[in-house]
Amino acid sequence: MSRHTHDFVNNYDEGKIAFGLDRETDEKSLIAYLQKFTDDEMMQVLVKRLSDDDISGILDYVLGILKKHLKEEEYHRIFLKDKTKGLH
């Protein structure tokens, strides 16, 4: 059984990926866009073309967002899918 999912993008109307219309559309579009970006096939192609600076920049940005918006328990439970760590 897979721990990670990308179900949203498979069920979302790709014709509705747009930004700047309204908050709800922005949120749904962001989910779909990021899930497309992190698709296994996409990552296999892209990761080999990224510079070390690109990798560091992406990692720094993502970790900064996670640290800003998730509690430690949420980071372990939701992002890492680790149900045993981060619980107090």
PDB file of N, CA and C in Angstrom:
ATOM      1  N   MET A   1       0.837  -1.188   0.000  1.00  0.00           N
ATOM      2  CA  MET A   1       0.000   0.000   0.000  1.00  0.00           C
ATOM      3  C   MET A   1       0.883   1.253   0.000  1.00  0.00           C
ATOM      4  N   SER A   2       0.599   2.156  -0.897  1.00  0.00           N
ATOM      5  CA  SER A   2       1.363   3.382  -1.029  1.00  0.00           C
ATOM      6  C   SER A   2       1.003   4.377   0.063  1.00  0.00           C
ATOM      7  N   ARG A   3       2.024   5.014   0.618  1.00  0.00           N
ATOM      8  CA  ARG A   3       1.775   6.004   1.665  1.00  0.00           C
ATOM      9  C   ARG A   3       1.470   7.375   1.083  1.00  0.00           C
ATOM     10  N   HIS A   4       2.013   7.679  -0.073  1.00  0.00           N
ATOM     11  CA  HIS A   4       1.826   9.000  -0.676  1.00  0.00           C
ATOM     12  C   HIS A   4       0.815   8.922  -1.807  1.00  0.00           C
ATOM     13  N   THR A   5       0.072  10.003  -1.986  1.00  0.00           N
ATOM     14  CA  THR A   5      -0.953  10.023  -3.024  1.00  0.00           C
ATOM     15  C   THR A   5      -0.843  11.283  -3.870  1.00  0.00           C
ATOM     16  N   HIS A   6      -1.361  11.197  -5.050  1.00  0.00           N
ATOM     17  CA  HIS A   6      -1.520  12.340  -5.942  1.00  0.00           C
ATOM     18  C   HIS A   6      -2.896  12.231  -6.605  1.00  0.00           C
ATOM     19  N   ASP A   7      -3.902  11.908  -5.834  1.00  0.00           N
ATOM     20  CA  ASP A   7      -5.233  11.678  -6.373  1.00  0.00           C
ATOM     21  C   ASP A   7      -5.896  12.938  -6.907  1.00  0.00           C
ATOM     22  N   PHE A   8      -5.630  14.079  -6.281  1.00  0.00           N
ATOM     23  CA  PHE A   8      -6.327  15.303  -6.664  1.00  0.00           C
ATOM     24  C   PHE A   8      -6.154  15.610  -8.148  1.00  0.00           C
ATOM     25  N   VAL A   9      -4.918  15.594  -8.620  1.00  0.00           N
ATOM     26  CA  VAL A   9      -4.644  15.952 -10.012  1.00  0.00           C
ATOM     27  C   VAL A   9      -5.313  14.984 -10.987  1.00  0.00           C
ATOM     28  N   ASN A  10      -5.476  13.741 -10.592  1.00  0.00           N
ATOM     29  CA  ASN A  10      -6.108  12.757 -11.470  1.00  0.00           C
ATOM     30  C   ASN A  10      -7.611  12.975 -11.602  1.00  0.00           C
ATOM     31  N   ASN A  11      -8.189  13.696 -10.661  1.00  0.00           N
ATOM     32  CA  ASN A  11      -9.637  13.930 -10.676  1.00  0.00           C
ATOM     33  C   ASN A  11     -10.011  15.376 -10.976  1.00  0.00           C
ATOM     34  N   TYR A  12      -9.044  16.261 -11.061  1.00  0.00           N
ATOM     35  CA  TYR A  12      -9.299  17.682 -11.268  1.00  0.00           C
ATOM     36  C   TYR A  12      -9.345  18.003 -12.753  1.00  0.00           C
ATOM     37  N   ASP A  13     -10.242  18.877 -13.138  1.00  0.00           N
ATOM     38  CA  ASP A  13     -10.367  19.322 -14.527  1.00  0.00           C
ATOM     39  C   ASP A  13      -9.158  20.198 -14.858  1.00  0.00           C
ATOM     40  N   GLU A  14      -8.226  19.653 -15.648  1.00  0.00           N
ATOM     41  CA  GLU A  14      -6.988  20.363 -15.941  1.00  0.00           C
ATOM     42  C   GLU A  14      -7.222  21.666 -16.690  1.00  0.00           C
ATOM     43  N   GLY A  15      -8.368  21.806 -17.315  1.00  0.00           N
ATOM     44  CA  GLY A  15      -8.693  23.051 -17.987  1.00  0.00           C
ATOM     45  C   GLY A  15      -8.921  24.192 -17.011  1.00  0.00           C
ATOM     46  N   LYS A  16      -9.038  23.863 -15.731  1.00  0.00           N
ATOM     47  CA  LYS A  16      -9.285  24.881 -14.717  1.00  0.00           C
ATOM     48  C   LYS A  16      -8.029  25.254 -13.937  1.00  0.00           C
ATOM     49  N   ILE A  17      -6.852  24.906 -14.435  1.00  0.00           N
ATOM     50  CA  ILE A  17      -5.621  25.336 -13.781  1.00  0.00           C
ATOM     51  C   ILE A  17      -5.359  26.769 -14.216  1.00  0.00           C
ATOM     52  N   ALA A  18      -5.616  27.674 -13.294  1.00  0.00           N
ATOM     53  CA  ALA A  18      -5.448  29.100 -13.560  1.00  0.00           C
ATOM     54  C   ALA A  18      -5.173  29.804 -12.239  1.00  0.00           C
ATOM     55  N   PHE A  19      -4.456  30.894 -12.312  1.00  0.00           N
ATOM     56  CA  PHE A  19      -4.121  31.646 -11.109  1.00  0.00           C
ATOM     57  C   PHE A  19      -4.583  33.087 -11.258  1.00  0.00           C
ATOM     58  N   GLY A  20      -5.008  33.674 -10.132  1.00  0.00           N
ATOM     59  CA  GLY A  20      -5.404  35.069 -10.111  1.00  0.00           C
ATOM     60  C   GLY A  20      -6.885  35.318 -10.277  1.00  0.00           C
ATOM     61  N   LEU A  21      -7.670  34.261 -10.436  1.00  0.00           N
ATOM     62  CA  LEU A  21      -9.116  34.440 -10.594  1.00  0.00           C
ATOM     63  C   LEU A  21      -9.797  34.630  -9.248  1.00  0.00           C
ATOM     64  N   ASP A  22      -9.557  33.692  -8.349  1.00  0.00           N
ATOM     65  CA  ASP A  22     -10.105  33.750  -6.990  1.00  0.00           C
ATOM     66  C   ASP A  22      -9.319  32.767  -6.124  1.00  0.00           C
ATOM     67  N   ARG A  23      -9.456  32.887  -4.827  1.00  0.00           N
ATOM     68  CA  ARG A  23      -8.662  32.071  -3.898  1.00  0.00           C
ATOM     69  C   ARG A  23      -8.922  30.578  -4.081  1.00  0.00           C
ATOM     70  N   GLU A  24     -10.178  30.179  -4.227  1.00  0.00           N
ATOM     71  CA  GLU A  24     -10.507  28.756  -4.363  1.00  0.00           C
ATOM     72  C   GLU A  24      -9.853  28.154  -5.609  1.00  0.00           C
ATOM     73  N   THR A  25      -9.930  28.861  -6.732  1.00  0.00           N
ATOM     74  CA  THR A  25      -9.307  28.372  -7.960  1.00  0.00           C
ATOM     75  C   THR A  25      -7.789  28.339  -7.814  1.00  0.00           C
ATOM     76  N   ASP A  26      -7.217  29.374  -7.164  1.00  0.00           N
ATOM     77  CA  ASP A  26      -5.772  29.393  -6.916  1.00  0.00           C
ATOM     78  C   ASP A  26      -5.336  28.182  -6.104  1.00  0.00           C
ATOM     79  N   GLU A  27      -6.077  27.868  -5.040  1.00  0.00           N
ATOM     80  CA  GLU A  27      -5.723  26.728  -4.179  1.00  0.00           C
ATOM     81  C   GLU A  27      -5.783  25.417  -4.952  1.00  0.00           C
ATOM     82  N   LYS A  28      -6.869  25.199  -5.671  1.00  0.00           N
ATOM     83  CA  LYS A  28      -7.020  23.955  -6.433  1.00  0.00           C
ATOM     84  C   LYS A  28      -5.984  23.869  -7.548  1.00  0.00           C
ATOM     85  N   SER A  29      -5.727  24.991  -8.199  1.00  0.00           N
ATOM     86  CA  SER A  29      -4.728  25.012  -9.276  1.00  0.00           C
ATOM     87  C   SER A  29      -3.339  24.719  -8.735  1.00  0.00           C
ATOM     88  N   LEU A  30      -3.012  25.267  -7.563  1.00  0.00           N
ATOM     89  CA  LEU A  30      -1.706  25.016  -6.960  1.00  0.00           C
ATOM     90  C   LEU A  30      -1.521  23.534  -6.639  1.00  0.00           C
ATOM     91  N   ILE A  31      -2.548  22.920  -6.073  1.00  0.00           N
ATOM     92  CA  ILE A  31      -2.469  21.484  -5.771  1.00  0.00           C
ATOM     93  C   ILE A  31      -2.230  20.697  -7.051  1.00  0.00           C
ATOM     94  N   ALA A  32      -3.027  20.957  -8.073  1.00  0.00           N
ATOM     95  CA  ALA A  32      -2.892  20.221  -9.336  1.00  0.00           C
ATOM     96  C   ALA A  32      -1.523  20.466  -9.968  1.00  0.00           C
ATOM     97  N   TYR A  33      -1.076  21.710  -9.980  1.00  0.00           N
ATOM     98  CA  TYR A  33       0.196  22.076 -10.599  1.00  0.00           C
ATOM     99  C   TYR A  33       1.371  21.405  -9.898  1.00  0.00           C
ATOM    100  N   LEU A  34       1.370  21.437  -8.561  1.00  0.00           N
ATOM    101  CA  LEU A  34       2.463  20.821  -7.817  1.00  0.00           C
ATOM    102  C   LEU A  34       2.449  19.298  -7.940  1.00  0.00           C
ATOM    103  N   GLN A  35       1.256  18.707  -7.984  1.00  0.00           N
ATOM    104  CA  GLN A  35       1.195  17.259  -8.164  1.00  0.00           C
ATOM    105  C   GLN A  35       1.695  16.864  -9.549  1.00  0.00           C
ATOM    106  N   LYS A  36       1.405  17.668 -10.564  1.00  0.00           N
ATOM    107  CA  LYS A  36       1.947  17.407 -11.895  1.00  0.00           C
ATOM    108  C   LYS A  36       3.467  17.559 -11.885  1.00  0.00           C
ATOM    109  N   PHE A  37       3.959  18.575 -11.187  1.00  0.00           N
ATOM    110  CA  PHE A  37       5.392  18.831 -11.092  1.00  0.00           C
ATOM    111  C   PHE A  37       6.121  17.672 -10.437  1.00  0.00           C
ATOM    112  N   THR A  38       5.532  17.070  -9.401  1.00  0.00           N
ATOM    113  CA  THR A  38       6.196  15.998  -8.666  1.00  0.00           C
ATOM    114  C   THR A  38       5.835  14.597  -9.161  1.00  0.00           C
ATOM    115  N   ASP A  39       5.187  14.518 -10.292  1.00  0.00           N
ATOM    116  CA  ASP A  39       4.910  13.216 -10.913  1.00  0.00           C
ATOM    117  C   ASP A  39       6.230  12.455 -11.095  1.00  0.00           C
ATOM    118  N   ASP A  40       6.224  11.175 -10.855  1.00  0.00           N
ATOM    119  CA  ASP A  40       7.447  10.369 -10.922  1.00  0.00           C
ATOM    120  C   ASP A  40       8.187  10.531 -12.252  1.00  0.00           C
ATOM    121  N   GLU A  41       7.475  10.444 -13.367  1.00  0.00           N
ATOM    122  CA  GLU A  41       8.120  10.563 -14.676  1.00  0.00           C
ATOM    123  C   GLU A  41       8.730  11.958 -14.853  1.00  0.00           C
ATOM    124  N   MET A  42       7.984  12.981 -14.438  1.00  0.00           N
ATOM    125  CA  MET A  42       8.476  14.349 -14.538  1.00  0.00           C
ATOM    126  C   MET A  42       9.759  14.532 -13.731  1.00  0.00           C
ATOM    127  N   MET A  43       9.763  14.023 -12.515  1.00  0.00           N
ATOM    128  CA  MET A  43      10.928  14.173 -11.645  1.00  0.00           C
ATOM    129  C   MET A  43      12.134  13.424 -12.184  1.00  0.00           C
ATOM    130  N   GLN A  44      11.924  12.248 -12.775  1.00  0.00           N
ATOM    131  CA  GLN A  44      13.038  11.490 -13.340  1.00  0.00           C
ATOM    132  C   GLN A  44      13.737  12.267 -14.450  1.00  0.00           C
ATOM    133  N   VAL A  45      12.973  13.008 -15.231  1.00  0.00           N
ATOM    134  CA  VAL A  45      13.550  13.824 -16.298  1.00  0.00           C
ATOM    135  C   VAL A  45      14.194  15.081 -15.723  1.00  0.00           C
ATOM    136  N   LEU A  46      13.467  15.785 -14.875  1.00  0.00           N
ATOM    137  CA  LEU A  46      13.906  17.091 -14.405  1.00  0.00           C
ATOM    138  C   LEU A  46      15.098  17.037 -13.455  1.00  0.00           C
ATOM    139  N   VAL A  47      15.094  16.095 -12.517  1.00  0.00           N
ATOM    140  CA  VAL A  47      16.114  16.080 -11.463  1.00  0.00           C
ATOM    141  C   VAL A  47      17.531  15.971 -12.036  1.00  0.00           C
ATOM    142  N   LYS A  48      17.679  15.279 -13.127  1.00  0.00           N
ATOM    143  CA  LYS A  48      18.998  15.128 -13.741  1.00  0.00           C
ATOM    144  C   LYS A  48      19.489  16.432 -14.368  1.00  0.00           C
ATOM    145  N   ARG A  49      18.578  17.349 -14.639  1.00  0.00           N
ATOM    146  CA  ARG A  49      18.920  18.611 -15.292  1.00  0.00           C
ATOM    147  C   ARG A  49      19.102  19.770 -14.312  1.00  0.00           C
ATOM    148  N   LEU A  50      18.750  19.538 -13.054  1.00  0.00           N
ATOM    149  CA  LEU A  50      18.857  20.594 -12.048  1.00  0.00           C
ATOM    150  C   LEU A  50      20.308  20.780 -11.612  1.00  0.00           C
ATOM    151  N   SER A  51      20.696  22.021 -11.434  1.00  0.00           N
ATOM    152  CA  SER A  51      22.023  22.296 -10.883  1.00  0.00           C
ATOM    153  C   SER A  51      21.983  22.074  -9.368  1.00  0.00           C
ATOM    154  N   ASP A  52      23.153  22.027  -8.763  1.00  0.00           N
ATOM    155  CA  ASP A  52      23.216  21.923  -7.304  1.00  0.00           C
ATOM    156  C   ASP A  52      22.504  23.107  -6.654  1.00  0.00           C
ATOM    157  N   ASP A  53      22.661  24.299  -7.245  1.00  0.00           N
ATOM    158  CA  ASP A  53      21.975  25.488  -6.727  1.00  0.00           C
ATOM    159  C   ASP A  53      20.461  25.369  -6.869  1.00  0.00           C
ATOM    160  N   ASP A  54      19.996  24.802  -7.982  1.00  0.00           N
ATOM    161  CA  ASP A  54      18.556  24.583  -8.161  1.00  0.00           C
ATOM    162  C   ASP A  54      18.020  23.675  -7.055  1.00  0.00           C
ATOM    163  N   ILE A  55      18.723  22.578  -6.807  1.00  0.00           N
ATOM    164  CA  ILE A  55      18.296  21.617  -5.789  1.00  0.00           C
ATOM    165  C   ILE A  55      18.275  22.275  -4.416  1.00  0.00           C
ATOM    166  N   SER A  56      19.326  22.986  -4.084  1.00  0.00           N
ATOM    167  CA  SER A  56      19.383  23.676  -2.786  1.00  0.00           C
ATOM    168  C   SER A  56      18.269  24.712  -2.662  1.00  0.00           C
ATOM    169  N   GLY A  57      18.031  25.461  -3.728  1.00  0.00           N
ATOM    170  CA  GLY A  57      16.991  26.482  -3.700  1.00  0.00           C
ATOM    171  C   GLY A  57      15.605  25.898  -3.491  1.00  0.00           C
ATOM    172  N   ILE A  58      15.299  24.820  -4.204  1.00  0.00           N
ATOM    173  CA  ILE A  58      13.994  24.165  -4.049  1.00  0.00           C
ATOM    174  C   ILE A  58      13.853  23.618  -2.634  1.00  0.00           C
ATOM    175  N   LEU A  59      14.875  22.938  -2.158  1.00  0.00           N
ATOM    176  CA  LEU A  59      14.844  22.362  -0.819  1.00  0.00           C
ATOM    177  C   LEU A  59      14.681  23.443   0.249  1.00  0.00           C
ATOM    178  N   ASP A  60      15.461  24.518   0.145  1.00  0.00           N
ATOM    179  CA  ASP A  60      15.356  25.611   1.113  1.00  0.00           C
ATOM    180  C   ASP A  60      13.955  26.220   1.121  1.00  0.00           C
ATOM    181  N   TYR A  61      13.390  26.415  -0.058  1.00  0.00           N
ATOM    182  CA  TYR A  61      12.056  27.014  -0.140  1.00  0.00           C
ATOM    183  C   TYR A  61      10.995  26.094   0.465  1.00  0.00           C
ATOM    184  N   VAL A  62      11.008  24.831   0.063  1.00  0.00           N
ATOM    185  CA  VAL A  62      10.002  23.886   0.559  1.00  0.00           C
ATOM    186  C   VAL A  62      10.124  23.695   2.068  1.00  0.00           C
ATOM    187  N   LEU A  63      11.341  23.507   2.559  1.00  0.00           N
ATOM    188  CA  LEU A  63      11.520  23.340   4.003  1.00  0.00           C
ATOM    189  C   LEU A  63      11.085  24.590   4.764  1.00  0.00           C
ATOM    190  N   GLY A  64      11.340  25.767   4.205  1.00  0.00           N
ATOM    191  CA  GLY A  64      10.905  27.008   4.833  1.00  0.00           C
ATOM    192  C   GLY A  64       9.391  27.094   4.937  1.00  0.00           C
ATOM    193  N   ILE A  65       8.703  26.711   3.864  1.00  0.00           N
ATOM    194  CA  ILE A  65       7.232  26.705   3.873  1.00  0.00           C
ATOM    195  C   ILE A  65       6.707  25.706   4.894  1.00  0.00           C
ATOM    196  N   LEU A  66       7.281  24.504   4.923  1.00  0.00           N
ATOM    197  CA  LEU A  66       6.835  23.489   5.873  1.00  0.00           C
ATOM    198  C   LEU A  66       7.058  23.952   7.311  1.00  0.00           C
ATOM    199  N   LYS A  67       8.219  24.514   7.577  1.00  0.00           N
ATOM    200  CA  LYS A  67       8.536  24.967   8.929  1.00  0.00           C
ATOM    201  C   LYS A  67       7.613  26.103   9.364  1.00  0.00           C
ATOM    202  N   LYS A  68       7.279  26.968   8.429  1.00  0.00           N
ATOM    203  CA  LYS A  68       6.420  28.116   8.722  1.00  0.00           C
ATOM    204  C   LYS A  68       4.974  27.707   9.015  1.00  0.00           C
ATOM    205  N   HIS A  69       4.483  26.681   8.333  1.00  0.00           N
ATOM    206  CA  HIS A  69       3.056  26.377   8.388  1.00  0.00           C
ATOM    207  C   HIS A  69       2.663  25.074   9.077  1.00  0.00           C
ATOM    208  N   LEU A  70       3.628  24.218   9.396  1.00  0.00           N
ATOM    209  CA  LEU A  70       3.296  22.948  10.051  1.00  0.00           C
ATOM    210  C   LEU A  70       3.922  22.874  11.439  1.00  0.00           C
ATOM    211  N   LYS A  71       3.168  22.322  12.356  1.00  0.00           N
ATOM    212  CA  LYS A  71       3.720  21.992  13.674  1.00  0.00           C
ATOM    213  C   LYS A  71       4.588  20.751  13.498  1.00  0.00           C
ATOM    214  N   GLU A  72       5.477  20.507  14.451  1.00  0.00           N
ATOM    215  CA  GLU A  72       6.386  19.357  14.342  1.00  0.00           C
ATOM    216  C   GLU A  72       5.611  18.051  14.154  1.00  0.00           C
ATOM    217  N   GLU A  73       4.553  17.869  14.921  1.00  0.00           N
ATOM    218  CA  GLU A  73       3.746  16.644  14.824  1.00  0.00           C
ATOM    219  C   GLU A  73       3.129  16.519  13.439  1.00  0.00           C
ATOM    220  N   GLU A  74       2.653  17.615  12.873  1.00  0.00           N
ATOM    221  CA  GLU A  74       2.060  17.591  11.534  1.00  0.00           C
ATOM    222  C   GLU A  74       3.111  17.257  10.480  1.00  0.00           C
ATOM    223  N   TYR A  75       4.299  17.819  10.642  1.00  0.00           N
ATOM    224  CA  TYR A  75       5.400  17.529   9.715  1.00  0.00           C
ATOM    225  C   TYR A  75       5.677  16.025   9.673  1.00  0.00           C
ATOM    226  N   HIS A  76       5.756  15.405  10.842  1.00  0.00           N
ATOM    227  CA  HIS A  76       6.035  13.962  10.897  1.00  0.00           C
ATOM    228  C   HIS A  76       4.852  13.142  10.406  1.00  0.00           C
ATOM    229  N   ARG A  77       3.656  13.498  10.837  1.00  0.00           N
ATOM    230  CA  ARG A  77       2.467  12.711  10.507  1.00  0.00           C
ATOM    231  C   ARG A  77       2.021  12.900   9.063  1.00  0.00           C
ATOM    232  N   ILE A  78       1.955  14.144   8.591  1.00  0.00           N
ATOM    233  CA  ILE A  78       1.387  14.421   7.278  1.00  0.00           C
ATOM    234  C   ILE A  78       2.445  14.375   6.175  1.00  0.00           C
ATOM    235  N   PHE A  79       3.587  15.042   6.390  1.00  0.00           N
ATOM    236  CA  PHE A  79       4.602  15.113   5.347  1.00  0.00           C
ATOM    237  C   PHE A  79       5.457  13.849   5.294  1.00  0.00           C
ATOM    238  N   LEU A  80       6.010  13.443   6.430  1.00  0.00           N
ATOM    239  CA  LEU A  80       6.869  12.261   6.454  1.00  0.00           C
ATOM    240  C   LEU A  80       6.085  10.950   6.499  1.00  0.00           C
ATOM    241  N   LYS A  81       4.798  11.036   6.818  1.00  0.00           N
ATOM    242  CA  LYS A  81       3.941   9.845   6.951  1.00  0.00           C
ATOM    243  C   LYS A  81       4.453   8.922   8.049  1.00  0.00           C
ATOM    244  N   ASP A  82       5.055   9.510   9.071  1.00  0.00           N
ATOM    245  CA  ASP A  82       5.597   8.764  10.205  1.00  0.00           C
ATOM    246  C   ASP A  82       4.649   8.964  11.381  1.00  0.00           C
ATOM    247  N   LYS A  83       3.937   7.934  11.708  1.00  0.00           N
ATOM    248  CA  LYS A  83       2.927   8.026  12.755  1.00  0.00           C
ATOM    249  C   LYS A  83       3.537   7.885  14.161  1.00  0.00           C
ATOM    250  N   THR A  84       4.838   7.578  14.261  1.00  0.00           N
ATOM    251  CA  THR A  84       5.432   7.323  15.573  1.00  0.00           C
ATOM    252  C   THR A  84       6.269   8.469  16.097  1.00  0.00           C
ATOM    253  N   LYS A  85       6.662   9.424  15.246  1.00  0.00           N
ATOM    254  CA  LYS A  85       7.536  10.505  15.681  1.00  0.00           C
ATOM    255  C   LYS A  85       6.771  11.821  15.794  1.00  0.00           C
ATOM    256  N   GLY A  86       7.305  12.699  16.593  1.00  0.00           N
ATOM    257  CA  GLY A  86       6.742  14.017  16.716  1.00  0.00           C
ATOM    258  C   GLY A  86       5.550  14.095  17.653  1.00  0.00           C
ATOM    259  N   LEU A  87       5.163  12.986  18.214  1.00  0.00           N
ATOM    260  CA  LEU A  87       4.035  12.988  19.137  1.00  0.00           C
ATOM    261  C   LEU A  87       4.541  13.184  20.558  1.00  0.00           C
ATOM    262  N   HIS A  88       3.882  14.055  21.297  1.00  0.00           N
ATOM    263  CA  HIS A  88       4.310  14.351  22.661  1.00  0.00           C
ATOM    264  C   HIS A  88       3.306  13.802  23.658  1.00  0.00           C
TER     265      HIS A  88
END
